[in-house]
PDB file of N, CA and C in Angstrom:
ATOM      1  N   MET A   1     -15.272  59.507 159.745  1.00  0.00           N
ATOM      2  CA  MET A   1     -15.356  59.099 161.088  1.00  0.00           C
ATOM      3  C   MET A   1     -15.281  60.347 162.004  1.00  0.00           C
ATOM      4  N   ALA A   2     -16.015  60.130 163.048  1.00  0.00           N
ATOM      5  CA  ALA A   2     -15.805  60.998 164.317  1.00  0.00           C
ATOM      6  C   ALA A   2     -15.456  60.801 165.793  1.00  0.00           C
ATOM      7  N   TYR A   3     -15.150  61.432 166.455  1.00  0.00           N
ATOM      8  CA  TYR A   3     -15.418  60.995 167.760  1.00  0.00           C
ATOM      9  C   TYR A   3     -16.340  60.865 168.372  1.00  0.00           C
ATOM     10  N   VAL A   4     -16.834  60.035 169.676  1.00  0.00           N
ATOM     11  CA  VAL A   4     -18.050  59.954 170.190  1.00  0.00           C
ATOM     12  C   VAL A   4     -17.841  60.006 171.757  1.00  0.00           C
ATOM     13  N   ILE A   5     -18.577  60.845 172.194  1.00  0.00           N
ATOM     14  CA  ILE A   5     -18.763  60.810 173.895  1.00  0.00           C
ATOM     15  C   ILE A   5     -19.285  60.076 174.433  1.00  0.00           C
ATOM     16  N   THR A   6     -19.292  59.048 175.610  1.00  0.00           N
ATOM     17  CA  THR A   6     -19.781  57.971 175.679  1.00  0.00           C
ATOM     18  C   THR A   6     -20.429  58.147 177.239  1.00  0.00           C
ATOM     19  N   GLU A   7     -21.007  57.174 177.956  1.00  0.00           N
ATOM     20  CA  GLU A   7     -21.610  56.972 178.838  1.00  0.00           C
ATOM     21  C   GLU A   7     -20.773  57.882 180.566  1.00  0.00           C
ATOM     22  N   ASN A   8     -19.449  57.368 180.270  1.00  0.00           N
ATOM     23  CA  ASN A   8     -18.806  58.137 181.520  1.00  0.00           C
ATOM     24  C   ASN A   8     -18.690  59.501 181.354  1.00  0.00           C
ATOM     25  N   CYS A   9     -19.114  60.225 180.700  1.00  0.00           N
ATOM     26  CA  CYS A   9     -19.442  61.648 180.814  1.00  0.00           C
ATOM     27  C   CYS A   9     -20.813  62.173 181.429  1.00  0.00           C
ATOM     28  N   ILE A  10     -21.557  61.223 181.668  1.00  0.00           N
ATOM     29  CA  ILE A  10     -23.087  61.601 182.102  1.00  0.00           C
ATOM     30  C   ILE A  10     -22.923  61.848 183.751  1.00  0.00           C
ATOM     31  N   ASP A  11     -23.310  63.034 183.759  1.00  0.00           N
ATOM     32  CA  ASP A  11     -23.255  63.786 185.284  1.00  0.00           C
ATOM     33  C   ASP A  11     -21.700  64.121 185.456  1.00  0.00           C
ATOM     34  N   THR A  12     -20.807  64.092 184.412  1.00  0.00           N
ATOM     35  CA  THR A  12     -19.540  64.340 185.124  1.00  0.00           C
ATOM     36  C   THR A  12     -19.361  66.120 184.382  1.00  0.00           C
ATOM     37  N   LEU A  13     -19.598  65.632 183.214  1.00  0.00           N
ATOM     38  CA  LEU A  13     -19.490  67.271 182.185  1.00  0.00           C
ATOM     39  C   LEU A  13     -18.057  68.044 182.383  1.00  0.00           C
ATOM     40  N   ASP A  14     -17.059  67.175 182.633  1.00  0.00           N
ATOM     41  CA  ASP A  14     -15.677  67.992 182.850  1.00  0.00           C
ATOM     42  C   ASP A  14     -15.164  68.320 181.283  1.00  0.00           C
ATOM     43  N   LYS A  15     -15.334  69.648 181.190  1.00  0.00           N
ATOM     44  CA  LYS A  15     -14.951  70.306 179.800  1.00  0.00           C
ATOM     45  C   LYS A  15     -13.551  70.367 179.317  1.00  0.00           C
ATOM     46  N   SER A  16     -12.697  69.669 179.924  1.00  0.00           N
ATOM     47  CA  SER A  16     -10.938  69.489 179.339  1.00  0.00           C
ATOM     48  C   SER A  16     -11.491  69.540 177.867  1.00  0.00           C
ATOM     49  N   CYS A  17     -12.334  68.664 177.532  1.00  0.00           N
ATOM     50  CA  CYS A  17     -12.027  68.087 175.858  1.00  0.00           C
ATOM     51  C   CYS A  17     -12.471  69.406 175.016  1.00  0.00           C
ATOM     52  N   VAL A  18     -13.675  69.967 175.854  1.00  0.00           N
ATOM     53  CA  VAL A  18     -13.822  71.362 174.999  1.00  0.00           C
ATOM     54  C   VAL A  18     -12.604  72.476 174.778  1.00  0.00           C
ATOM     55  N   GLU A  19     -11.846  72.517 175.647  1.00  0.00           N
ATOM     56  CA  GLU A  19     -10.903  73.502 175.817  1.00  0.00           C
ATOM     57  C   GLU A  19      -9.612  73.116 174.886  1.00  0.00           C
ATOM     58  N   VAL A  20      -9.640  71.718 174.332  1.00  0.00           N
ATOM     59  CA  VAL A  20      -8.526  71.148 173.469  1.00  0.00           C
ATOM     60  C   VAL A  20      -9.154  70.975 171.807  1.00  0.00           C
ATOM     61  N   CYS A  21     -10.402  71.128 171.642  1.00  0.00           N
ATOM     62  CA  CYS A  21     -10.712  71.044 170.594  1.00  0.00           C
ATOM     63  C   CYS A  21     -10.702  72.268 169.592  1.00  0.00           C
ATOM     64  N   PRO A  22     -10.083  71.868 168.457  1.00  0.00           N
ATOM     65  CA  PRO A  22      -9.573  73.267 167.589  1.00  0.00           C
ATOM     66  C   PRO A  22     -10.595  73.578 166.775  1.00  0.00           C
ATOM     67  N   VAL A  23     -11.657  73.115 166.611  1.00  0.00           N
ATOM     68  CA  VAL A  23     -12.784  73.357 165.767  1.00  0.00           C
ATOM     69  C   VAL A  23     -13.895  73.622 166.425  1.00  0.00           C
ATOM     70  N   ASP A  24     -13.888  73.326 167.852  1.00  0.00           N
ATOM     71  CA  ASP A  24     -15.343  73.782 168.754  1.00  0.00           C
ATOM     72  C   ASP A  24     -16.274  72.916 168.138  1.00  0.00           C
ATOM     73  N   CYS A  25     -16.278  71.682 168.249  1.00  0.00           N
ATOM     74  CA  CYS A  25     -17.415  70.601 167.971  1.00  0.00           C
ATOM     75  C   CYS A  25     -18.073  69.975 168.996  1.00  0.00           C
ATOM     76  N   ILE A  26     -17.763  70.274 170.186  1.00  0.00           N
ATOM     77  CA  ILE A  26     -18.019  69.498 171.294  1.00  0.00           C
ATOM     78  C   ILE A  26     -19.279  70.712 171.917  1.00  0.00           C
ATOM     79  N   TYR A  27     -20.251  70.229 172.336  1.00  0.00           N
ATOM     80  CA  TYR A  27     -21.426  70.918 172.965  1.00  0.00           C
ATOM     81  C   TYR A  27     -22.271  70.333 173.657  1.00  0.00           C
ATOM     82  N   HIS A  28     -23.060  71.157 174.797  1.00  0.00           N
ATOM     83  CA  HIS A  28     -23.788  70.815 175.817  1.00  0.00           C
ATOM     84  C   HIS A  28     -24.693  72.453 175.879  1.00  0.00           C
ATOM     85  N   GLU A  29     -26.037  72.417 176.690  1.00  0.00           N
ATOM     86  CA  GLU A  29     -26.538  73.341 177.136  1.00  0.00           C
ATOM     87  C   GLU A  29     -26.640  73.273 178.765  1.00  0.00           C
ATOM     88  N   GLU A  30     -25.780  74.180 179.076  1.00  0.00           N
ATOM     89  CA  GLU A  30     -25.424  74.382 180.599  1.00  0.00           C
ATOM     90  C   GLU A  30     -27.045  74.023 181.389  1.00  0.00           C
ATOM     91  N   GLY A  31     -26.947  73.513 182.177  1.00  0.00           N
ATOM     92  CA  GLY A  31     -27.955  73.344 182.931  1.00  0.00           C
ATOM     93  C   GLY A  31     -29.388  72.548 182.561  1.00  0.00           C
ATOM     94  N   VAL A  32     -28.972  71.850 181.242  1.00  0.00           N
ATOM     95  CA  VAL A  32     -29.995  71.140 180.527  1.00  0.00           C
ATOM     96  C   VAL A  32     -29.198  69.785 180.343  1.00  0.00           C
ATOM     97  N   ASP A  33     -28.058  69.789 179.641  1.00  0.00           N
ATOM     98  CA  ASP A  33     -27.594  68.504 179.204  1.00  0.00           C
ATOM     99  C   ASP A  33     -27.083  67.984 180.334  1.00  0.00           C
ATOM    100  N   ARG A  34     -26.657  66.337 180.488  1.00  0.00           N
ATOM    101  CA  ARG A  34     -26.138  65.731 181.362  1.00  0.00           C
ATOM    102  C   ARG A  34     -24.863  65.151 181.190  1.00  0.00           C
ATOM    103  N   MET A  35     -24.629  65.825 179.407  1.00  0.00           N
ATOM    104  CA  MET A  35     -23.051  65.206 179.051  1.00  0.00           C
ATOM    105  C   MET A  35     -23.131  65.979 177.960  1.00  0.00           C
ATOM    106  N   LEU A  36     -21.830  66.016 177.487  1.00  0.00           N
ATOM    107  CA  LEU A  36     -21.419  66.685 176.082  1.00  0.00           C
ATOM    108  C   LEU A  36     -21.556  65.865 174.961  1.00  0.00           C
ATOM    109  N   TYR A  37     -21.428  66.542 174.206  1.00  0.00           N
ATOM    110  CA  TYR A  37     -22.015  65.904 172.686  1.00  0.00           C
ATOM    111  C   TYR A  37     -20.857  66.227 171.312  1.00  0.00           C
ATOM    112  N   ILE A  38     -20.453  65.396 170.723  1.00  0.00           N
ATOM    113  CA  ILE A  38     -19.711  65.649 169.563  1.00  0.00           C
ATOM    114  C   ILE A  38     -20.396  65.775 168.248  1.00  0.00           C
ATOM    115  N   HIS A  39     -20.143  66.956 167.727  1.00  0.00           N
ATOM    116  CA  HIS A  39     -20.749  66.626 166.130  1.00  0.00           C
ATOM    117  C   HIS A  39     -20.440  66.266 165.193  1.00  0.00           C
ATOM    118  N   PRO A  40     -20.532  65.247 164.968  1.00  0.00           N
ATOM    119  CA  PRO A  40     -19.825  64.380 163.753  1.00  0.00           C
ATOM    120  C   PRO A  40     -19.855  64.523 162.574  1.00  0.00           C
ATOM    121  N   ASP A  41     -20.532  65.812 162.253  1.00  0.00           N
ATOM    122  CA  ASP A  41     -20.119  66.364 160.903  1.00  0.00           C
ATOM    123  C   ASP A  41     -18.975  67.458 160.882  1.00  0.00           C
ATOM    124  N   GLU A  42     -18.970  67.816 161.937  1.00  0.00           N
ATOM    125  CA  GLU A  42     -17.978  69.223 162.304  1.00  0.00           C
ATOM    126  C   GLU A  42     -16.109  68.549 162.732  1.00  0.00           C
ATOM    127  N   CYS A  43     -16.651  67.005 163.553  1.00  0.00           N
ATOM    128  CA  CYS A  43     -15.206  66.800 164.261  1.00  0.00           C
ATOM    129  C   CYS A  43     -14.310  66.409 163.229  1.00  0.00           C
ATOM    130  N   ILE A  44     -13.509  66.744 163.268  1.00  0.00           N
ATOM    131  CA  ILE A  44     -11.751  66.575 162.049  1.00  0.00           C
ATOM    132  C   ILE A  44     -11.019  65.405 162.656  1.00  0.00           C
ATOM    133  N   ASP A  45     -11.743  64.632 163.104  1.00  0.00           N
ATOM    134  CA  ASP A  45     -11.060  63.523 163.750  1.00  0.00           C
ATOM    135  C   ASP A  45      -9.375  63.551 164.318  1.00  0.00           C
ATOM    136  N   CYS A  46      -9.264  64.675 164.945  1.00  0.00           N
ATOM    137  CA  CYS A  46      -7.760  64.903 165.302  1.00  0.00           C
ATOM    138  C   CYS A  46      -7.500  64.208 166.636  1.00  0.00           C
ATOM    139  N   GLY A  47      -8.398  63.935 167.135  1.00  0.00           N
ATOM    140  CA  GLY A  47      -8.323  62.933 168.734  1.00  0.00           C
ATOM    141  C   GLY A  47      -7.659  64.138 169.576  1.00  0.00           C
ATOM    142  N   ALA A  48      -7.641  64.819 169.531  1.00  0.00           N
ATOM    143  CA  ALA A  48      -7.273  65.987 170.740  1.00  0.00           C
ATOM    144  C   ALA A  48      -8.068  65.631 172.076  1.00  0.00           C
ATOM    145  N   CYS A  49      -9.342  65.735 171.789  1.00  0.00           N
ATOM    146  CA  CYS A  49     -10.375  65.083 172.946  1.00  0.00           C
ATOM    147  C   CYS A  49      -9.935  64.121 174.142  1.00  0.00           C
ATOM    148  N   GLU A  50      -9.720  62.863 173.119  1.00  0.00           N
ATOM    149  CA  GLU A  50      -9.640  61.673 173.645  1.00  0.00           C
ATOM    150  C   GLU A  50      -8.579  61.659 174.681  1.00  0.00           C
ATOM    151  N   PRO A  51      -7.552  62.119 174.663  1.00  0.00           N
ATOM    152  CA  PRO A  51      -6.841  61.984 176.057  1.00  0.00           C
ATOM    153  C   PRO A  51      -6.955  63.156 177.054  1.00  0.00           C
ATOM    154  N   ALA A  52      -7.475  64.201 176.336  1.00  0.00           N
ATOM    155  CA  ALA A  52      -7.853  65.066 177.334  1.00  0.00           C
ATOM    156  C   ALA A  52      -9.001  65.084 178.656  1.00  0.00           C
ATOM    157  N   CYS A  53      -9.951  63.875 178.182  1.00  0.00           N
ATOM    158  CA  CYS A  53     -11.112  63.197 178.786  1.00  0.00           C
ATOM    159  C   CYS A  53     -10.524  62.528 180.385  1.00  0.00           C
ATOM    160  N   PRO A  54     -10.589  63.256 181.454  1.00  0.00           N
ATOM    161  CA  PRO A  54     -10.429  62.289 182.751  1.00  0.00           C
ATOM    162  C   PRO A  54     -11.149  61.220 182.863  1.00  0.00           C
ATOM    163  N   VAL A  55     -12.191  61.093 182.670  1.00  0.00           N
ATOM    164  CA  VAL A  55     -13.076  59.708 182.721  1.00  0.00           C
ATOM    165  C   VAL A  55     -13.035  58.904 181.575  1.00  0.00           C
ATOM    166  N   THR A  56     -12.286  59.010 180.653  1.00  0.00           N
ATOM    167  CA  THR A  56     -12.305  58.026 179.795  1.00  0.00           C
ATOM    168  C   THR A  56     -13.520  57.515 178.865  1.00  0.00           C
ATOM    169  N   ALA A  57     -14.146  58.796 178.355  1.00  0.00           N
ATOM    170  CA  ALA A  57     -15.597  59.238 177.678  1.00  0.00           C
ATOM    171  C   ALA A  57     -15.962  59.007 176.223  1.00  0.00           C
ATOM    172  N   ILE A  58     -14.505  59.344 175.907  1.00  0.00           N
ATOM    173  CA  ILE A  58     -14.302  59.780 174.722  1.00  0.00           C
ATOM    174  C   ILE A  58     -13.529  58.505 173.633  1.00  0.00           C
ATOM    175  N   PHE A  59     -13.988  58.311 172.445  1.00  0.00           N
ATOM    176  CA  PHE A  59     -13.201  57.311 171.642  1.00  0.00           C
ATOM    177  C   PHE A  59     -13.487  57.679 170.140  1.00  0.00           C
ATOM    178  N   ALA A  60     -12.646  56.869 169.522  1.00  0.00           N
ATOM    179  CA  ALA A  60     -13.172  57.165 167.869  1.00  0.00           C
ATOM    180  C   ALA A  60     -14.393  56.471 167.406  1.00  0.00           C
ATOM    181  N   GLU A  61     -14.924  56.547 166.477  1.00  0.00           N
ATOM    182  CA  GLU A  61     -16.262  55.753 166.206  1.00  0.00           C
ATOM    183  C   GLU A  61     -15.955  54.453 166.169  1.00  0.00           C
ATOM    184  N   ASP A  62     -14.769  53.992 165.384  1.00  0.00           N
ATOM    185  CA  ASP A  62     -14.558  52.618 165.019  1.00  0.00           C
ATOM    186  C   ASP A  62     -13.775  51.833 166.478  1.00  0.00           C
ATOM    187  N   GLU A  63     -13.530  52.398 167.441  1.00  0.00           N
ATOM    188  CA  GLU A  63     -13.164  52.016 168.648  1.00  0.00           C
ATOM    189  C   GLU A  63     -14.000  52.166 169.863  1.00  0.00           C
ATOM    190  N   VAL A  64     -15.187  52.696 169.854  1.00  0.00           N
ATOM    191  CA  VAL A  64     -16.335  52.550 170.684  1.00  0.00           C
ATOM    192  C   VAL A  64     -16.479  51.118 171.516  1.00  0.00           C
ATOM    193  N   PRO A  65     -16.485  51.278 172.853  1.00  0.00           N
ATOM    194  CA  PRO A  65     -16.717  49.863 173.302  1.00  0.00           C
ATOM    195  C   PRO A  65     -18.065  49.225 172.810  1.00  0.00           C
ATOM    196  N   GLU A  66     -18.278  48.154 172.391  1.00  0.00           N
ATOM    197  CA  GLU A  66     -19.292  47.036 172.043  1.00  0.00           C
ATOM    198  C   GLU A  66     -20.606  47.367 173.176  1.00  0.00           C
ATOM    199  N   ASP A  67     -20.794  47.660 174.040  1.00  0.00           N
ATOM    200  CA  ASP A  67     -21.340  47.821 175.253  1.00  0.00           C
ATOM    201  C   ASP A  67     -21.798  49.660 175.204  1.00  0.00           C
ATOM    202  N   GLN A  68     -21.339  50.376 174.626  1.00  0.00           N
ATOM    203  CA  GLN A  68     -21.302  51.893 174.604  1.00  0.00           C
ATOM    204  C   GLN A  68     -22.239  52.277 173.030  1.00  0.00           C
ATOM    205  N   ARG A  69     -21.810  51.219 171.989  1.00  0.00           N
ATOM    206  CA  ARG A  69     -21.967  51.981 170.720  1.00  0.00           C
ATOM    207  C   ARG A  69     -23.400  52.775 170.387  1.00  0.00           C
ATOM    208  N   HIS A  70     -24.052  52.588 171.220  1.00  0.00           N
ATOM    209  CA  HIS A  70     -25.265  53.071 171.051  1.00  0.00           C
ATOM    210  C   HIS A  70     -25.300  54.748 171.195  1.00  0.00           C
ATOM    211  N   PHE A  71     -24.173  54.965 171.861  1.00  0.00           N
ATOM    212  CA  PHE A  71     -23.727  56.651 172.014  1.00  0.00           C
ATOM    213  C   PHE A  71     -22.974  57.211 170.663  1.00  0.00           C
ATOM    214  N   ILE A  72     -22.979  56.416 169.833  1.00  0.00           N
ATOM    215  CA  ILE A  72     -22.598  56.975 168.376  1.00  0.00           C
ATOM    216  C   ILE A  72     -24.096  57.574 167.845  1.00  0.00           C
ATOM    217  N   GLU A  73     -25.209  56.697 167.877  1.00  0.00           N
ATOM    218  CA  GLU A  73     -26.451  57.525 167.399  1.00  0.00           C
ATOM    219  C   GLU A  73     -26.687  58.612 168.457  1.00  0.00           C
ATOM    220  N   ILE A  74     -26.741  58.469 169.310  1.00  0.00           N
ATOM    221  CA  ILE A  74     -27.098  59.369 170.739  1.00  0.00           C
ATOM    222  C   ILE A  74     -26.424  61.055 170.326  1.00  0.00           C
ATOM    223  N   ASN A  75     -25.140  60.735 170.354  1.00  0.00           N
ATOM    224  CA  ASN A  75     -24.299  61.793 169.828  1.00  0.00           C
ATOM    225  C   ASN A  75     -24.827  62.708 168.516  1.00  0.00           C
ATOM    226  N   ALA A  76     -24.947  61.957 167.397  1.00  0.00           N
ATOM    227  CA  ALA A  76     -25.730  62.300 166.058  1.00  0.00           C
ATOM    228  C   ALA A  76     -27.072  62.734 166.473  1.00  0.00           C
ATOM    229  N   LEU A  77     -27.755  62.349 167.140  1.00  0.00           N
ATOM    230  CA  LEU A  77     -29.369  62.492 167.114  1.00  0.00           C
ATOM    231  C   LEU A  77     -29.249  63.845 168.030  1.00  0.00           C
ATOM    232  N   TYR A  78     -28.039  64.063 168.333  1.00  0.00           N
ATOM    233  CA  TYR A  78     -28.532  65.641 169.749  1.00  0.00           C
ATOM    234  C   TYR A  78     -28.572  66.761 168.773  1.00  0.00           C
ATOM    235  N   PHE A  79     -28.033  66.564 167.535  1.00  0.00           N
ATOM    236  CA  PHE A  79     -27.815  67.660 166.782  1.00  0.00           C
ATOM    237  C   PHE A  79     -29.310  67.961 165.860  1.00  0.00           C
ATOM    238  N   THR A  80     -29.982  66.756 165.921  1.00  0.00           N
ATOM    239  CA  THR A  80     -31.549  66.727 164.819  1.00  0.00           C
ATOM    240  C   THR A  80     -32.421  66.767 166.164  1.00  0.00           C
ATOM    241  N   ASP A  81     -32.276  66.147 166.832  1.00  0.00           N
ATOM    242  CA  ASP A  81     -33.594  66.359 168.362  1.00  0.00           C
ATOM    243  C   ASP A  81     -32.905  66.212 169.358  1.00  0.00           C
ATOM    244  N   ARG A  82     -32.613  67.270 170.080  1.00  0.00           N
ATOM    245  CA  ARG A  82     -32.097  67.237 171.360  1.00  0.00           C
ATOM    246  C   ARG A  82     -32.897  66.700 172.334  1.00  0.00           C
ATOM    247  N   GLU A  83     -34.225  67.060 172.235  1.00  0.00           N
ATOM    248  CA  GLU A  83     -34.698  66.164 173.188  1.00  0.00           C
ATOM    249  C   GLU A  83     -34.932  64.678 173.281  1.00  0.00           C
ATOM    250  N   ALA A  84     -34.817  64.220 172.111  1.00  0.00           N
ATOM    251  CA  ALA A  84     -34.833  62.828 171.814  1.00  0.00           C
ATOM    252  C   ALA A  84     -33.581  62.152 172.261  1.00  0.00           C
ATOM    253  N   ALA A  85     -32.493  62.970 171.736  1.00  0.00           N
ATOM    254  CA  ALA A  85     -30.934  62.635 172.564  1.00  0.00           C
ATOM    255  C   ALA A  85     -31.006  62.670 174.290  1.00  0.00           C
ATOM    256  N   ARG A  86     -31.731  63.778 174.776  1.00  0.00           N
ATOM    257  CA  ARG A  86     -31.848  63.631 176.087  1.00  0.00           C
ATOM    258  C   ARG A  86     -32.538  62.652 176.974  1.00  0.00           C
ATOM    259  N   ALA A  87     -33.488  62.199 176.129  1.00  0.00           N
ATOM    260  CA  ALA A  87     -34.302  61.312 176.562  1.00  0.00           C
ATOM    261  C   ALA A  87     -33.500  59.668 176.687  1.00  0.00           C
ATOM    262  N   ARG A  88     -32.710  59.653 175.426  1.00  0.00           N
ATOM    263  CA  ARG A  88     -31.981  58.126 175.579  1.00  0.00           C
ATOM    264  C   ARG A  88     -30.914  58.255 176.271  1.00  0.00           C
ATOM    265  N   THR A  89     -30.401  59.463 176.767  1.00  0.00           N
ATOM    266  CA  THR A  89     -29.588  59.422 177.733  1.00  0.00           C
ATOM    267  C   THR A  89     -30.022  58.950 178.934  1.00  0.00           C
ATOM    268  N   ASN A  90     -31.217  59.711 179.314  1.00  0.00           N
ATOM    269  CA  ASN A  90     -31.697  59.445 180.336  1.00  0.00           C
ATOM    270  C   ASN A  90     -32.022  57.914 180.310  1.00  0.00           C
ATOM    271  N   ALA A  91     -32.457  57.396 179.913  1.00  0.00           N
ATOM    272  CA  ALA A  91     -32.912  55.840 179.580  1.00  0.00           C
ATOM    273  C   ALA A  91     -31.333  55.195 179.715  1.00  0.00           C
ATOM    274  N   VAL A  92     -30.282  55.714 179.294  1.00  0.00           N
ATOM    275  CA  VAL A  92     -29.222  54.873 179.883  1.00  0.00           C
ATOM    276  C   VAL A  92     -28.498  54.989 181.083  1.00  0.00           C
ATOM    277  N   LYS A  93     -28.894  56.187 181.520  1.00  0.00           N
ATOM    278  CA  LYS A  93     -28.460  56.364 183.235  1.00  0.00           C
ATOM    279  C   LYS A  93     -29.611  57.125 183.752  1.00  0.00           C
ATOM    280  N   PRO A  94     -30.417  56.683 184.363  1.00  0.00           N
ATOM    281  CA  PRO A  94     -31.734  57.535 184.704  1.00  0.00           C
ATOM    282  C   PRO A  94     -30.995  58.500 186.136  1.00  0.00           C
ATOM    283  N   VAL A  95     -31.507  59.685 185.943  1.00  0.00           N
ATOM    284  CA  VAL A  95     -31.433  60.771 186.692  1.00  0.00           C
ATOM    285  C   VAL A  95     -31.592  60.467 188.067  1.00  0.00           C
ATOM    286  N   ALA A  96     -30.445  60.582 189.033  1.00  0.00           N
ATOM    287  CA  ALA A  96     -30.487  60.162 190.250  1.00  0.00           C
ATOM    288  C   ALA A  96     -31.186  60.945 191.340  1.00  0.00           C
TER     289      ALA A  96
END
């Protein structure tokens, strides 16, 4: 199980979670991505990122709210097909 970043991160991009992650498993491409993504295979489930997030966007995978569960797939997809993950993110919350 890994931690997952959800909708509240979109267009916020606060990097407090990145600063506390002991394994550097949180990624984004500056100027391209609208949110941060946790690599599910690199996350060690330490939970350090969750309380660091000021917008309550990070959850343990089994605690992701039902209406945000699609972000489990979006986070994983980012590491195999970034363009598809970005498209799914934009579908959730269109660019203003």
